Amino acid sequence: MNGLGSTPREELFIIYRKIVEILKTRHIKIVHNYIGEFATSMEMAGVSISLLRLDEELKKYLLMPLLNSLVQK
């Protein structure tokens, strides 16, 4: 989940919690999440949400360790 610039981090987690509730009712499992500001728009309010359907190969790559200047997990 991406904050667009002026949405506080606390609100991102509140929105994320609601998204998890909705996805659980549809039997959609979250394997990993990224919550933060990755692509902002000049202090714009709001969020963007991206979902990806994973097969076992993509899941393996998603869960590999990652270290770069933008994202660490």
C-alpha atoms as a PDB file:
ATOM      1  CA  MET A   1       0.000   0.000   0.000  1.00  0.00           C
ATOM      2  CA  ASN A   2       1.392   3.338  -1.065  1.00  0.00           C
ATOM      3  CA  GLY A   3       0.736   6.636   0.693  1.00  0.00           C
ATOM      4  CA  LEU A   4       0.477   9.432  -1.851  1.00  0.00           C
ATOM      5  CA  GLY A   5       2.362  11.990   0.223  1.00  0.00           C
ATOM      6  CA  SER A   6       0.324  13.613   2.972  1.00  0.00           C
ATOM      7  CA  THR A   7      -1.464  10.591   4.433  1.00  0.00           C
ATOM      8  CA  PRO A   8       0.048   9.892   7.883  1.00  0.00           C
ATOM      9  CA  ARG A   9       1.652   6.489   8.403  1.00  0.00           C
ATOM     10  CA  GLU A  10      -0.804   5.738  11.212  1.00  0.00           C
ATOM     11  CA  GLU A  11      -3.702   6.184   8.782  1.00  0.00           C
ATOM     12  CA  LEU A  12      -2.031   3.852   6.298  1.00  0.00           C
ATOM     13  CA  PHE A  13      -2.083   1.111   8.940  1.00  0.00           C
ATOM     14  CA  ILE A  14      -5.745   1.818   9.794  1.00  0.00           C
ATOM     15  CA  ILE A  15      -6.655   1.507   6.107  1.00  0.00           C
ATOM     16  CA  TYR A  16      -4.511  -1.619   5.788  1.00  0.00           C
ATOM     17  CA  ARG A  17      -6.330  -3.257   8.708  1.00  0.00           C
ATOM     18  CA  LYS A  18      -9.666  -2.665   6.953  1.00  0.00           C
ATOM     19  CA  ILE A  19      -8.283  -4.063   3.686  1.00  0.00           C
ATOM     20  CA  VAL A  20      -7.168  -7.223   5.506  1.00  0.00           C
ATOM     21  CA  GLU A  21     -10.690  -7.648   6.922  1.00  0.00           C
ATOM     22  CA  ILE A  22     -12.243  -7.306   3.468  1.00  0.00           C
ATOM     23  CA  LEU A  23      -9.779  -9.705   1.840  1.00  0.00           C
ATOM     24  CA  LYS A  24     -10.311 -12.316   4.579  1.00  0.00           C
ATOM     25  CA  THR A  25     -14.058 -12.355   3.858  1.00  0.00           C
ATOM     26  CA  ARG A  26     -13.135 -13.213   0.259  1.00  0.00           C
ATOM     27  CA  HIS A  27     -10.622 -15.895   1.364  1.00  0.00           C
ATOM     28  CA  ILE A  28      -7.677 -13.945  -0.048  1.00  0.00           C
ATOM     29  CA  LYS A  29      -4.438 -14.527   1.862  1.00  0.00           C
ATOM     30  CA  ILE A  30      -1.769 -11.825   2.152  1.00  0.00           C
ATOM     31  CA  VAL A  31       1.700 -13.371   1.819  1.00  0.00           C
ATOM     32  CA  HIS A  32       3.678 -10.150   2.332  1.00  0.00           C
ATOM     33  CA  ASN A  33       2.870  -6.458   2.551  1.00  0.00           C
ATOM     34  CA  TYR A  34       4.652  -3.212   1.836  1.00  0.00           C
ATOM     35  CA  ILE A  35       3.166  -0.191   3.593  1.00  0.00           C
ATOM     36  CA  GLY A  36       4.716   3.234   3.145  1.00  0.00           C
ATOM     37  CA  GLU A  37       5.377   6.003   0.658  1.00  0.00           C
ATOM     38  CA  PHE A  38       6.909   4.540  -2.472  1.00  0.00           C
ATOM     39  CA  ALA A  39       5.531   6.862  -5.177  1.00  0.00           C
ATOM     40  CA  THR A  40       4.222  10.182  -3.859  1.00  0.00           C
ATOM     41  CA  SER A  41       2.427  12.985  -5.637  1.00  0.00           C
ATOM     42  CA  MET A  42       3.368  16.381  -4.203  1.00  0.00           C
ATOM     43  CA  GLU A  43       1.828  15.903  -0.743  1.00  0.00           C
ATOM     44  CA  MET A  44      -1.404  14.512  -2.171  1.00  0.00           C
ATOM     45  CA  ALA A  45      -3.803  12.871   0.286  1.00  0.00           C
ATOM     46  CA  GLY A  46      -4.826   9.263  -0.237  1.00  0.00           C
ATOM     47  CA  VAL A  47      -3.424   5.821  -0.933  1.00  0.00           C
ATOM     48  CA  SER A  48      -2.970   3.409  -3.796  1.00  0.00           C
ATOM     49  CA  ILE A  49      -3.308  -0.326  -3.315  1.00  0.00           C
ATOM     50  CA  SER A  50      -1.701  -3.015  -5.461  1.00  0.00           C
ATOM     51  CA  LEU A  51      -2.508  -6.718  -5.261  1.00  0.00           C
ATOM     52  CA  LEU A  52      -0.700  -9.509  -7.077  1.00  0.00           C
ATOM     53  CA  ARG A  53      -1.880 -13.085  -7.509  1.00  0.00           C
ATOM     54  CA  LEU A  54       1.110 -15.320  -6.724  1.00  0.00           C
ATOM     55  CA  ASP A  55       2.044 -18.746  -7.928  1.00  0.00           C
ATOM     56  CA  GLU A  56       4.694 -20.735  -6.035  1.00  0.00           C
ATOM     57  CA  GLU A  57       7.553 -19.417  -8.186  1.00  0.00           C
ATOM     58  CA  LEU A  58       6.625 -15.749  -7.678  1.00  0.00           C
ATOM     59  CA  LYS A  59       6.049 -16.380  -3.978  1.00  0.00           C
ATOM     60  CA  LYS A  60       9.600 -17.749  -3.659  1.00  0.00           C
ATOM     61  CA  TYR A  61      11.048 -14.589  -5.241  1.00  0.00           C
ATOM     62  CA  LEU A  62       8.854 -12.238  -3.236  1.00  0.00           C
ATOM     63  CA  LEU A  63       9.991 -13.781   0.051  1.00  0.00           C
ATOM     64  CA  MET A  64      13.722 -13.628  -0.763  1.00  0.00           C
ATOM     65  CA  PRO A  65      15.805 -11.184   1.301  1.00  0.00           C
ATOM     66  CA  LEU A  66      16.005  -7.715  -0.210  1.00  0.00           C
ATOM     67  CA  LEU A  67      18.304  -4.808   0.520  1.00  0.00           C
ATOM     68  CA  ASN A  68      18.490  -1.706  -1.636  1.00  0.00           C
ATOM     69  CA  SER A  69      18.335   2.032  -1.184  1.00  0.00           C
ATOM     70  CA  LEU A  70      14.512   2.208  -1.388  1.00  0.00           C
ATOM     71  CA  VAL A  71      13.184  -0.939   0.281  1.00  0.00           C
ATOM     72  CA  GLN A  72      14.553  -3.197   2.999  1.00  0.00           C
ATOM     73  CA  LYS A  73      12.976  -6.358   4.308  1.00  0.00           C
END
